Structure formats: structure tokens, C-alpha cells
Amino acid sequence: MLEPQLLATLIRKHRKAAGVSQLQLAEMAGVGKTAVFDLEKGKATIQLDTLRKVLTVLNIKVQLISPFMNQKDDHEKS
């Protein structure tokens, strides 16, 4: 499981490597500056859409791995 503090560190490192401030990142992602501050502090209650926007701007990809990923849903079966 991805811990909030690990995600916070990853976001901060990517932002700094990109040479942008927290305020600039917020503007680029179309989110409030408090959202970026909270993300970098490891706040666990960030909205998924906000996180998605920030990760997209920083070019961070998230990979979902599940034992159900290769299974067809019951409604897809003929």
C-alpha cells in the first residue's frame, strides 16, 4: 500500500526537480495551493481528483495491480 508520507516525498522531489514552487504547481494543476501543501505534508484525506491532477502535471504514473485485472467481468461473458 502506498503510504501518504511516501507519496508526499515523491511529489515534493518531482516538483523540485521540475523547478516549480508549490504555488506554481497548484496553478499548473488547477488546484488550490493548500491542496499542494497538504499533499506534500502527507495528508491522507486528499481528494482523488486533486491527486490525479497533480500527478499528471508532474508526469507521475500510477500503476494498479490486482488479481482481477485480467479477468473478464460476468457481464462481458457470452
C-alpha atoms as a PDB file:
ATOM      1  CA  MET A   1       0.000   0.000   0.000  1.00  0.00           C
ATOM      2  CA  LEU A   2       1.220   3.490  -0.816  1.00  0.00           C
ATOM      3  CA  GLU A   3       1.688   5.419   2.403  1.00  0.00           C
ATOM      4  CA  PRO A   4       0.797   9.133   2.417  1.00  0.00           C
ATOM      5  CA  GLN A   5       4.301  10.177   3.545  1.00  0.00           C
ATOM      6  CA  LEU A   6       5.949   8.207   0.728  1.00  0.00           C
ATOM      7  CA  LEU A   7       3.636   9.849  -1.783  1.00  0.00           C
ATOM      8  CA  ALA A   8       4.364  13.258  -0.228  1.00  0.00           C
ATOM      9  CA  THR A   9       8.107  12.744  -0.617  1.00  0.00           C
ATOM     10  CA  LEU A  10       7.721  11.579  -4.208  1.00  0.00           C
ATOM     11  CA  ILE A  11       5.586  14.590  -5.155  1.00  0.00           C
ATOM     12  CA  ARG A  12       7.979  17.032  -3.471  1.00  0.00           C
ATOM     13  CA  LYS A  13      11.022  15.504  -5.217  1.00  0.00           C
ATOM     14  CA  HIS A  14       9.331  15.649  -8.621  1.00  0.00           C
ATOM     15  CA  ARG A  15       8.179  19.237  -8.061  1.00  0.00           C
ATOM     16  CA  LYS A  16      11.661  20.378  -7.044  1.00  0.00           C
ATOM     17  CA  ALA A  17      13.266  18.514  -9.945  1.00  0.00           C
ATOM     18  CA  ALA A  18      10.852  20.350 -12.258  1.00  0.00           C
ATOM     19  CA  GLY A  19      11.970  23.642 -10.713  1.00  0.00           C
ATOM     20  CA  VAL A  20       8.499  24.845  -9.749  1.00  0.00           C
ATOM     21  CA  SER A  21       7.179  26.229  -6.485  1.00  0.00           C
ATOM     22  CA  GLN A  22       4.199  24.801  -4.664  1.00  0.00           C
ATOM     23  CA  LEU A  23       2.129  27.754  -5.861  1.00  0.00           C
ATOM     24  CA  GLN A  24       3.216  27.230  -9.472  1.00  0.00           C
ATOM     25  CA  LEU A  25       2.363  23.535  -9.260  1.00  0.00           C
ATOM     26  CA  ALA A  26      -1.064  24.360  -7.875  1.00  0.00           C
ATOM     27  CA  GLU A  27      -1.697  26.784 -10.730  1.00  0.00           C
ATOM     28  CA  MET A  28      -0.470  24.318 -13.359  1.00  0.00           C
ATOM     29  CA  ALA A  29      -2.668  21.546 -11.941  1.00  0.00           C
ATOM     30  CA  GLY A  30      -5.699  23.770 -11.489  1.00  0.00           C
ATOM     31  CA  VAL A  31      -5.933  23.067  -7.761  1.00  0.00           C
ATOM     32  CA  GLY A  32      -5.694  25.238  -4.679  1.00  0.00           C
ATOM     33  CA  LYS A  33      -2.299  25.933  -3.152  1.00  0.00           C
ATOM     34  CA  THR A  34      -3.482  24.366   0.111  1.00  0.00           C
ATOM     35  CA  ALA A  35      -4.023  21.076  -1.740  1.00  0.00           C
ATOM     36  CA  VAL A  36      -0.367  21.008  -2.818  1.00  0.00           C
ATOM     37  CA  PHE A  37       0.776  21.959   0.691  1.00  0.00           C
ATOM     38  CA  ASP A  38      -1.379  19.170   2.141  1.00  0.00           C
ATOM     39  CA  LEU A  39      -0.113  16.626  -0.388  1.00  0.00           C
ATOM     40  CA  GLU A  40       3.497  17.425   0.449  1.00  0.00           C
ATOM     41  CA  LYS A  41       2.738  17.140   4.180  1.00  0.00           C
ATOM     42  CA  GLY A  42       1.333  13.649   3.646  1.00  0.00           C
ATOM     43  CA  LYS A  43      -2.270  14.499   4.480  1.00  0.00           C
ATOM     44  CA  ALA A  44      -4.261  11.300   3.970  1.00  0.00           C
ATOM     45  CA  THR A  45      -7.609  12.877   3.072  1.00  0.00           C
ATOM     46  CA  ILE A  46      -6.800  14.467  -0.293  1.00  0.00           C
ATOM     47  CA  GLN A  47      -9.486  14.151  -2.960  1.00  0.00           C
ATOM     48  CA  LEU A  48      -8.651  11.644  -5.661  1.00  0.00           C
ATOM     49  CA  ASP A  49      -9.277  14.136  -8.476  1.00  0.00           C
ATOM     50  CA  THR A  50      -6.883  16.626  -6.884  1.00  0.00           C
ATOM     51  CA  LEU A  51      -4.204  13.964  -6.551  1.00  0.00           C
ATOM     52  CA  ARG A  52      -4.756  12.870 -10.160  1.00  0.00           C
ATOM     53  CA  LYS A  53      -4.312  16.440 -11.436  1.00  0.00           C
ATOM     54  CA  VAL A  54      -1.066  16.978  -9.519  1.00  0.00           C
ATOM     55  CA  LEU A  55       0.378  13.622 -10.563  1.00  0.00           C
ATOM     56  CA  THR A  56      -0.480  14.345 -14.196  1.00  0.00           C
ATOM     57  CA  VAL A  57       1.323  17.698 -14.148  1.00  0.00           C
ATOM     58  CA  LEU A  58       4.387  16.072 -12.575  1.00  0.00           C
ATOM     59  CA  ASN A  59       4.259  13.198 -15.090  1.00  0.00           C
ATOM     60  CA  ILE A  60       3.946  10.601 -12.321  1.00  0.00           C
ATOM     61  CA  LYS A  61       2.160   7.447 -13.437  1.00  0.00           C
ATOM     62  CA  VAL A  62       0.259   5.217 -11.038  1.00  0.00           C
ATOM     63  CA  GLN A  63       0.025   1.521 -11.796  1.00  0.00           C
ATOM     64  CA  LEU A  64      -2.824  -0.535 -10.392  1.00  0.00           C
ATOM     65  CA  ILE A  65      -2.118  -4.200  -9.844  1.00  0.00           C
ATOM     66  CA  SER A  66      -4.931  -6.550  -8.955  1.00  0.00           C
ATOM     67  CA  PRO A  67      -5.615 -10.254  -9.370  1.00  0.00           C
ATOM     68  CA  PHE A  68      -8.863  -9.204 -11.064  1.00  0.00           C
ATOM     69  CA  MET A  69      -7.211  -7.116 -13.798  1.00  0.00           C
ATOM     70  CA  ASN A  70      -7.019  -9.985 -16.315  1.00  0.00           C
ATOM     71  CA  GLN A  71     -10.407 -11.469 -15.531  1.00  0.00           C
ATOM     72  CA  LYS A  72     -13.453 -10.682 -17.637  1.00  0.00           C
ATOM     73  CA  ASP A  73     -16.491  -9.340 -15.834  1.00  0.00           C
ATOM     74  CA  ASP A  74     -19.547 -11.605 -15.709  1.00  0.00           C
ATOM     75  CA  HIS A  75     -21.475  -9.231 -17.989  1.00  0.00           C
ATOM     76  CA  GLU A  76     -18.691  -9.439 -20.615  1.00  0.00           C
ATOM     77  CA  LYS A  77     -19.016 -13.225 -20.942  1.00  0.00           C
ATOM     78  CA  SER A  78     -21.017 -14.537 -23.889  1.00  0.00           C
END
